[in-house]
N, C-alpha and C. Protein backbone atom coordinates (compact mmCIF):
# COMPACT_ATOMS: atom_id res chain seq x y z
N PRO A 1 117.75 117.30 129.71
CA PRO A 1 115.76 117.08 130.34
C PRO A 1 115.48 117.79 131.07
N VAL A 2 114.35 118.44 131.05
CA VAL A 2 113.23 119.30 131.62
C VAL A 2 113.09 118.90 132.98
N VAL A 3 113.42 119.55 134.34
CA VAL A 3 113.27 118.53 135.37
C VAL A 3 112.33 119.35 136.03
N LEU A 4 111.48 118.94 137.07
CA LEU A 4 109.88 119.49 137.87
C LEU A 4 110.69 119.77 139.25
N PRO A 5 110.28 120.85 139.44
CA PRO A 5 110.82 120.13 141.40
C PRO A 5 109.64 119.63 141.89
N ARG A 6 110.36 119.14 143.33
CA ARG A 6 109.05 118.02 143.47
C ARG A 6 109.18 118.58 145.29
N ALA A 7 108.82 117.75 146.00
CA ALA A 7 108.65 118.50 147.89
C ALA A 7 110.10 117.38 148.35
N ARG A 8 110.84 118.11 149.15
CA ARG A 8 111.90 117.45 149.94
C ARG A 8 112.66 117.64 149.14
N GLY A 9 112.93 118.21 147.63
CA GLY A 9 114.04 118.56 147.12
C GLY A 9 114.17 117.10 146.28
N CYS A 10 113.16 116.85 146.17
CA CYS A 10 113.20 115.34 144.71
C CYS A 10 113.11 116.14 143.32
N ALA A 11 113.73 115.19 142.91
CA ALA A 11 113.21 115.76 141.25
C ALA A 11 112.75 114.87 140.09
N VAL A 12 111.59 115.07 139.47
CA VAL A 12 111.06 114.68 138.01
C VAL A 12 111.19 115.16 136.88
N SER A 13 112.27 113.64 135.99
CA SER A 13 112.13 114.52 134.86
C SER A 13 109.75 115.29 133.95
N LEU A 14 110.47 115.62 133.02
CA LEU A 14 108.94 115.64 131.92
C LEU A 14 108.80 114.39 132.02
N SER A 15 110.06 114.03 131.47
CA SER A 15 109.12 112.41 130.50
C SER A 15 109.11 111.85 130.89
N SER A 16 109.61 111.47 132.57
CA SER A 16 108.90 110.51 132.94
C SER A 16 107.35 110.83 134.12
N LEU A 17 107.06 111.74 134.14
CA LEU A 17 105.89 112.08 133.99
C LEU A 17 104.94 111.83 133.46
N VAL A 18 105.05 112.24 132.01
CA VAL A 18 103.42 112.24 131.23
C VAL A 18 104.14 110.58 130.99
N LEU A 19 105.09 110.05 130.65
CA LEU A 19 104.85 108.59 130.99
C LEU A 19 103.67 108.24 131.78
N VAL A 20 103.69 108.38 133.16
CA VAL A 20 103.02 107.83 134.30
C VAL A 20 101.55 108.53 134.10
N MET A 21 101.68 109.59 133.71
CA MET A 21 100.23 110.62 133.41
C MET A 21 99.89 109.29 132.62
N MET A 22 100.49 108.74 130.73
CA MET A 22 99.97 108.00 129.89
C MET A 22 99.91 106.72 131.29
N MET A 23 99.86 105.74 131.63
CA MET A 23 99.45 104.94 131.97
C MET A 23 98.39 104.67 132.85
N MET A 24 98.39 105.91 133.62
CA MET A 24 97.21 106.78 134.27
C MET A 24 95.67 106.16 133.86
N MET A 25 96.08 106.94 132.36
CA MET A 25 94.40 107.21 131.49
C MET A 25 94.25 105.79 131.16
N VAL A 26 95.86 104.75 130.61
CA VAL A 26 95.10 103.88 130.11
C VAL A 26 94.46 102.56 131.00
N MET A 27 94.98 102.25 132.27
CA MET A 27 94.14 102.13 133.37
C MET A 27 93.14 102.72 134.24
N MET A 28 93.08 103.54 133.93
CA MET A 28 91.26 104.69 134.27
C MET A 28 90.53 104.04 132.85
N THR A 29 90.88 104.25 131.67
CA THR A 29 90.52 103.87 131.12
C THR A 29 89.43 102.69 130.35
N GLY A 30 90.92 101.80 131.40
CA GLY A 30 90.73 99.86 130.67
C GLY A 30 90.55 99.89 129.56
N THR A 31 91.21 100.90 128.55
CA THR A 31 91.63 101.08 127.40
C THR A 31 93.13 99.37 127.10
N ARG A 32 92.78 98.15 126.31
CA ARG A 32 94.04 97.21 126.21
C ARG A 32 94.73 97.99 125.22
N PHE A 33 96.28 98.64 124.61
CA PHE A 33 96.98 99.35 124.63
C PHE A 33 97.35 97.80 122.93
N MET A 34 96.59 98.17 122.02
CA MET A 34 96.90 97.39 120.47
C MET A 34 97.66 97.64 119.61
N PRO A 35 99.32 97.49 119.69
CA PRO A 35 99.63 97.98 118.87
C PRO A 35 99.54 98.18 117.03
N ARG A 36 99.58 99.27 116.51
CA ARG A 36 99.50 99.36 115.37
C ARG A 36 100.68 98.44 114.34
N PRO A 37 100.60 98.88 113.25
CA PRO A 37 101.91 97.92 112.24
C PRO A 37 103.35 99.37 112.51
N ALA A 38 103.63 98.70 112.41
CA ALA A 38 105.32 99.57 112.84
C ALA A 38 105.39 101.29 112.01
N MET A 39 105.26 101.16 110.51
CA MET A 39 105.27 101.53 109.44
C MET A 39 104.14 102.64 109.69
N VAL A 40 105.05 103.79 109.06
CA VAL A 40 103.94 105.56 109.13
C VAL A 40 104.55 105.59 107.73
N TYR A 41 103.94 105.90 107.03
CA TYR A 41 104.64 106.54 105.65
C TYR A 41 103.08 107.34 105.23
N ALA A 42 103.53 108.32 104.31
CA ALA A 42 102.36 109.14 103.94
C ALA A 42 101.89 108.88 103.01
N ASP A 43 102.14 107.69 102.05
CA ASP A 43 101.34 106.40 101.69
C ASP A 43 100.54 106.58 101.05
N ASP A 44 98.86 106.87 100.77
CA ASP A 44 97.96 106.46 101.14
C ASP A 44 97.26 105.01 101.73
N GLN A 45 97.91 104.11 100.66
CA GLN A 45 98.11 102.92 99.77
C GLN A 45 98.84 102.15 101.80
N VAL A 46 99.14 102.36 102.22
CA VAL A 46 100.15 102.21 103.42
C VAL A 46 98.75 102.36 104.58
N VAL A 47 98.64 103.13 104.11
CA VAL A 47 97.72 104.01 105.48
C VAL A 47 96.14 102.87 105.39
N ALA A 48 95.75 102.76 104.63
CA ALA A 48 94.68 101.16 104.34
C ALA A 48 95.06 100.43 104.30
N LEU A 49 96.04 99.84 104.19
CA LEU A 49 96.48 98.94 104.59
C LEU A 49 96.56 99.41 106.16
N GLN A 50 96.82 99.88 106.50
CA GLN A 50 97.38 99.71 108.09
C GLN A 50 96.06 99.50 108.62
N ASP A 51 94.86 100.17 108.35
CA ASP A 51 93.83 100.20 108.20
C ASP A 51 92.77 99.45 108.98
N PHE A 52 93.29 98.49 107.56
CA PHE A 52 92.77 97.23 107.35
C PHE A 52 93.33 96.10 108.51
N TYR A 53 94.74 96.35 108.70
CA TYR A 53 95.11 95.33 109.32
C TYR A 53 94.57 95.14 110.75
N THR A 54 94.11 96.41 110.91
CA THR A 54 93.80 96.63 112.91
C THR A 54 92.49 96.50 112.34
N ALA A 55 91.84 96.87 111.60
CA ALA A 55 90.60 96.50 111.49
C ALA A 55 90.16 95.31 111.83
N THR A 56 91.03 94.26 111.20
CA THR A 56 90.77 92.47 110.96
C THR A 56 91.34 91.83 111.74
N ALA A 57 91.80 92.74 113.30
CA ALA A 57 92.82 92.23 114.10
C ALA A 57 94.34 90.91 114.03
N GLY A 58 95.10 92.16 112.45
CA GLY A 58 95.93 91.40 112.30
C GLY A 58 96.47 91.04 113.20
N LEU A 59 96.71 91.48 114.73
CA LEU A 59 97.96 90.81 115.43
C LEU A 59 97.79 89.46 115.86
N ARG A 60 96.75 88.99 115.24
CA ARG A 60 95.55 87.22 115.39
C ARG A 60 95.83 86.17 114.15
N TRP A 61 96.20 87.49 112.74
CA TRP A 61 96.52 86.44 111.44
C TRP A 61 96.98 85.22 111.91
N LYS A 62 96.75 84.15 110.55
CA LYS A 62 97.81 83.13 110.99
C LYS A 62 99.24 83.02 110.20
N ASN A 63 99.56 84.15 109.51
CA ASN A 63 100.37 85.11 108.55
C ASN A 63 100.50 86.38 108.46
N SER A 64 100.86 87.22 108.93
CA SER A 64 100.83 88.77 108.55
C SER A 64 102.54 89.14 108.69
N ALA A 65 103.56 88.03 107.68
CA ALA A 65 104.62 88.20 107.51
C ALA A 65 105.15 90.18 106.55
N GLY A 66 105.23 90.86 107.35
CA GLY A 66 106.24 92.26 106.21
C GLY A 66 104.86 93.29 106.97
N TRP A 67 104.21 92.66 107.70
CA TRP A 67 103.20 93.93 108.15
C TRP A 67 102.77 94.05 109.07
N THR A 68 103.86 94.13 109.96
CA THR A 68 104.39 94.56 110.98
C THR A 68 106.17 95.20 111.17
N SER A 69 106.35 95.71 109.86
CA SER A 69 107.45 95.25 109.70
C SER A 69 107.69 97.18 109.18
N ASN A 70 109.05 97.31 108.92
CA ASN A 70 109.48 99.06 108.96
C ASN A 70 109.20 98.13 107.33
N SER A 71 109.07 97.81 106.51
CA SER A 71 109.63 97.86 104.63
C SER A 71 109.16 98.99 104.51
N THR A 72 109.50 99.67 103.23
CA THR A 72 109.52 100.32 102.49
C THR A 72 107.52 100.47 101.16
N THR A 73 107.99 98.89 101.01
CA THR A 73 106.94 99.01 100.26
C THR A 73 105.56 97.98 100.76
N PRO A 74 104.81 97.88 100.81
CA PRO A 74 103.78 96.57 100.87
C PRO A 74 103.91 95.25 99.77
N CYS A 75 104.62 95.53 98.42
CA CYS A 75 104.48 95.01 97.79
C CYS A 75 105.66 93.47 98.46
N SER A 76 106.00 93.73 99.48
CA SER A 76 106.33 92.16 99.94
C SER A 76 105.76 91.81 101.23
N TRP A 77 105.13 92.31 101.51
CA TRP A 77 104.06 91.91 102.83
C TRP A 77 102.77 90.71 102.60
N TYR A 78 103.02 89.59 103.33
CA TYR A 78 101.79 88.19 103.28
C TYR A 78 100.74 88.81 102.11
N GLY A 79 100.43 88.12 100.99
CA GLY A 79 99.04 88.82 100.65
C GLY A 79 99.16 90.14 99.92
N VAL A 80 100.15 90.44 99.67
CA VAL A 80 99.58 91.24 98.59
C VAL A 80 100.47 91.72 97.30
N THR A 81 99.77 91.63 96.05
CA THR A 81 100.66 91.57 95.26
C THR A 81 100.54 92.90 94.85
N CYS A 82 101.49 92.99 93.70
CA CYS A 82 101.79 94.41 93.14
C CYS A 82 102.50 94.10 91.81
N LYS A 83 101.56 95.39 90.81
CA LYS A 83 101.86 95.22 89.02
C LYS A 83 103.58 95.00 89.60
N ALA A 84 104.01 94.39 88.11
CA ALA A 84 105.39 93.72 87.96
C ALA A 84 106.37 94.89 88.08
N ASN A 85 107.14 95.44 88.79
CA ASN A 85 107.77 96.41 88.51
C ASN A 85 107.82 97.53 88.85
N SER A 86 106.74 97.90 89.88
CA SER A 86 105.84 99.03 90.00
C SER A 86 106.05 98.57 92.40
N THR A 87 104.77 99.74 92.56
CA THR A 87 104.53 99.68 93.89
C THR A 87 102.67 99.78 93.68
N ILE A 88 102.69 99.64 92.25
CA ILE A 88 100.61 99.30 92.71
C ILE A 88 100.50 98.42 92.59
N ILE A 89 99.62 98.53 93.54
CA ILE A 89 98.69 96.99 93.96
C ILE A 89 98.23 96.46 93.51
N ILE A 90 97.66 95.26 93.35
CA ILE A 90 96.37 95.42 92.55
C ILE A 90 96.28 93.67 93.24
N ALA A 91 96.57 93.25 93.91
CA ALA A 91 95.28 91.84 94.68
C ALA A 91 95.72 91.86 96.29
N LEU A 92 94.55 91.81 97.05
CA LEU A 92 94.96 91.23 97.81
C LEU A 92 94.38 89.74 98.39
N THR A 93 95.53 88.58 98.87
CA THR A 93 94.59 87.40 98.78
C THR A 93 95.56 86.58 100.10
N LEU A 94 93.92 86.93 101.15
CA LEU A 94 94.27 86.63 102.62
C LEU A 94 93.43 85.36 102.66
N SER A 95 92.88 84.55 101.95
CA SER A 95 92.02 83.69 102.46
C SER A 95 92.55 82.67 103.47
N ASN A 96 90.98 82.16 104.75
CA ASN A 96 91.89 81.36 104.95
C ASN A 96 93.02 82.41 106.42
N ASN A 97 93.19 83.36 106.51
CA ASN A 97 94.02 83.77 107.30
C ASN A 97 93.80 84.22 108.77
N ASN A 98 92.40 83.63 109.38
CA ASN A 98 92.12 84.77 110.80
C ASN A 98 91.36 85.85 110.36
N LEU A 99 91.58 86.56 109.02
CA LEU A 99 90.63 88.19 109.26
C LEU A 99 89.19 88.08 110.60
N ASN A 100 89.62 89.00 111.22
CA ASN A 100 88.43 88.63 112.01
C ASN A 100 88.24 89.95 112.24
N GLY A 101 86.91 90.80 112.03
CA GLY A 101 86.50 91.93 111.99
C GLY A 101 85.67 92.54 110.96
N THR A 102 85.65 93.82 110.71
CA THR A 102 85.01 94.42 109.63
C THR A 102 85.59 94.76 108.43
N ILE A 103 85.15 94.82 107.09
CA ILE A 103 86.45 95.36 105.79
C ILE A 103 86.57 97.14 106.24
N PRO A 104 87.04 97.63 106.11
CA PRO A 104 86.83 99.18 106.21
C PRO A 104 87.06 99.95 105.24
N PHE A 105 86.39 101.26 105.44
CA PHE A 105 86.08 102.22 104.26
C PHE A 105 87.67 102.21 103.51
N SER A 106 87.85 103.18 104.12
CA SER A 106 89.72 102.77 104.06
C SER A 106 89.91 101.77 102.89
N LEU A 107 89.70 100.99 102.81
CA LEU A 107 90.41 100.20 101.99
C LEU A 107 89.71 100.22 100.35
N SER A 108 89.09 100.75 100.22
CA SER A 108 88.50 101.08 98.75
C SER A 108 89.70 102.55 97.83
N THR A 109 90.27 103.06 99.39
CA THR A 109 90.86 104.03 98.63
C THR A 109 92.26 103.20 97.97
N ILE A 110 92.19 102.58 97.86
CA ILE A 110 93.81 101.28 96.84
C ILE A 110 92.63 101.13 95.27
N THR A 111 92.56 102.38 94.53
CA THR A 111 91.59 101.77 92.73
C THR A 111 92.57 100.79 92.65
N SER A 112 93.68 100.73 92.46
CA SER A 112 94.36 99.96 91.62
C SER A 112 94.04 98.16 92.04
N ILE A 113 93.87 98.08 93.03
CA ILE A 113 93.28 96.52 93.21
C ILE A 113 91.84 95.96 92.21
N THR A 114 92.57 94.82 91.53
CA THR A 114 91.78 94.26 90.88
C THR A 114 90.99 92.57 91.41
N THR A 115 91.80 92.10 92.52
CA THR A 115 91.55 91.63 92.95
C THR A 115 91.47 91.45 94.71
N LEU A 116 90.45 90.75 95.36
CA LEU A 116 90.35 90.49 96.76
C LEU A 116 89.62 89.60 97.17
N ASP A 117 90.76 88.73 97.94
CA ASP A 117 90.67 87.06 98.53
C ASP A 117 90.18 87.34 99.82
N PHE A 118 89.33 87.42 100.33
CA PHE A 118 89.33 87.38 102.14
C PHE A 118 88.21 85.89 102.17
N SER A 119 88.22 85.17 101.51
CA SER A 119 87.59 83.42 101.87
C SER A 119 87.84 82.93 102.77
N VAL A 120 86.85 82.52 103.05
CA VAL A 120 86.80 81.50 104.65
C VAL A 120 88.02 82.02 105.57
N ASN A 121 87.49 83.31 106.24
CA ASN A 121 87.69 84.12 107.44
C ASN A 121 86.89 84.99 108.19
N LEU A 122 86.82 84.99 109.60
CA LEU A 122 85.20 85.68 110.11
C LEU A 122 85.22 86.86 109.98
N LEU A 123 85.03 87.28 108.65
CA LEU A 123 84.70 89.14 108.37
C LEU A 123 83.30 89.15 109.66
N LYS A 124 82.90 90.23 109.60
CA LYS A 124 81.65 90.63 109.93
C LYS A 124 81.18 91.78 109.58
N SER A 125 79.29 92.03 109.86
CA SER A 125 78.51 92.89 109.01
C SER A 125 79.27 93.26 108.00
N THR A 126 79.13 94.02 107.02
CA THR A 126 77.98 94.05 105.89
C THR A 126 79.33 94.63 104.93
N ILE A 127 79.25 94.46 103.75
CA ILE A 127 80.13 94.14 102.54
C ILE A 127 80.29 96.34 102.16
N PRO A 128 81.51 96.88 102.58
CA PRO A 128 81.40 98.15 102.04
C PRO A 128 80.36 98.84 100.63
N ALA A 129 79.92 99.31 100.63
CA ALA A 129 79.11 99.69 99.28
C ALA A 129 80.37 100.91 98.15
N SER A 130 81.71 101.25 99.35
CA SER A 130 82.54 101.79 98.82
C SER A 130 83.07 101.07 98.09
N LEU A 131 83.17 99.67 97.93
CA LEU A 131 84.31 98.81 97.48
C LEU A 131 83.48 99.27 95.75
N VAL A 132 82.83 99.66 95.06
CA VAL A 132 82.79 100.23 93.57
C VAL A 132 83.64 101.23 93.43
N ASN A 133 83.99 101.63 94.24
CA ASN A 133 85.33 103.43 94.36
C ASN A 133 86.57 102.48 93.65
N MET A 134 86.50 101.11 94.42
CA MET A 134 87.91 100.69 93.50
C MET A 134 87.90 100.60 91.78
N GLY A 135 87.85 100.80 90.79
CA GLY A 135 87.19 101.04 89.62
C GLY A 135 88.06 99.76 88.64
N ASN A 136 89.37 98.98 89.63
CA ASN A 136 89.72 98.03 88.46
C ASN A 136 89.27 96.93 89.40
N LEU A 137 88.79 96.74 90.07
CA LEU A 137 88.01 95.50 90.79
C LEU A 137 87.17 94.08 89.62
N THR A 138 87.67 93.36 89.39
CA THR A 138 87.09 92.21 88.83
C THR A 138 86.22 91.21 89.69
N PHE A 139 87.90 91.42 90.97
CA PHE A 139 86.84 89.91 91.26
C PHE A 139 86.93 89.74 92.93
N ILE A 140 86.21 89.28 93.36
CA ILE A 140 86.01 89.72 95.02
C ILE A 140 85.63 88.27 95.29
N ASP A 141 86.24 87.55 96.83
CA ASP A 141 85.69 86.13 96.84
C ASP A 141 85.75 86.63 98.40
N VAL A 142 84.52 86.76 98.97
CA VAL A 142 84.36 86.96 100.69
C VAL A 142 83.47 85.78 100.92
N SER A 143 83.57 84.47 100.21
CA SER A 143 82.77 83.50 100.82
C SER A 143 83.43 83.01 102.53
N SER A 144 82.28 82.18 102.73
CA SER A 144 82.72 81.59 103.80
C SER A 144 82.96 82.42 104.96
N ASN A 145 82.44 83.74 105.03
CA ASN A 145 82.59 84.60 106.72
C ASN A 145 81.71 84.65 106.81
N MET A 146 81.67 85.99 107.76
CA MET A 146 79.62 86.26 108.18
C MET A 146 79.29 87.11 108.10
N LEU A 147 79.26 88.06 106.64
CA LEU A 147 78.84 88.94 105.78
C LEU A 147 77.58 89.01 106.31
N ILE A 148 76.98 90.23 105.99
CA ILE A 148 75.36 90.04 105.37
C ILE A 148 75.64 91.07 104.72
N GLY A 149 74.57 90.77 104.04
CA GLY A 149 73.75 92.14 102.92
C GLY A 149 74.91 91.63 101.14
N PRO A 150 73.95 92.80 100.50
CA PRO A 150 74.06 92.06 99.17
C PRO A 150 75.21 92.27 99.15
N LEU A 151 76.40 91.57 97.67
CA LEU A 151 77.64 92.28 97.43
C LEU A 151 77.70 93.71 96.54
N PRO A 152 78.39 94.39 96.51
CA PRO A 152 78.17 95.91 96.20
C PRO A 152 78.58 95.57 94.10
N ASN A 153 78.05 95.90 93.41
CA ASN A 153 77.82 96.07 92.07
C ASN A 153 79.29 96.17 91.38
N ILE A 154 80.33 95.54 90.73
CA ILE A 154 81.82 96.00 90.44
C ILE A 154 81.42 95.65 89.17
N SER A 155 80.57 95.42 88.36
CA SER A 155 80.73 95.17 87.08
C SER A 155 80.80 97.02 86.37
N SER A 156 80.23 97.46 86.55
CA SER A 156 80.42 99.03 85.92
C SER A 156 81.70 99.93 85.78
């Protein structure tokens, strides 16, 4: 390890110094550390699902099995359905799962989704108009939430 000199002949490792500085920054800003799902993949679908998990307080979901694992495919995560014999996501079914927050724009990048069921949760704000970019979306249920505004027209 890199060792920095300190007064009176003591030494501090660079990694210890960085850790102390990070802890001080968190304490000074009052920011609480909110862990993100453990998996980090280049796959845009997984990134969009990570954003969704974070935006809807995934740590507080009733069931988040798989969402914080190092699974190689979201097809095994609770509420995620993939096309048979593939890794193409076709449905998110997370009804009555204590989703609390907003639906992020990034979710609309998963254009293979045909079904979204986020009913009976605590979703707030508006339904993103970007959902119309999900060209295969044929069913959406966001009833019994705190959403305002019109549903995007997904029929075209």
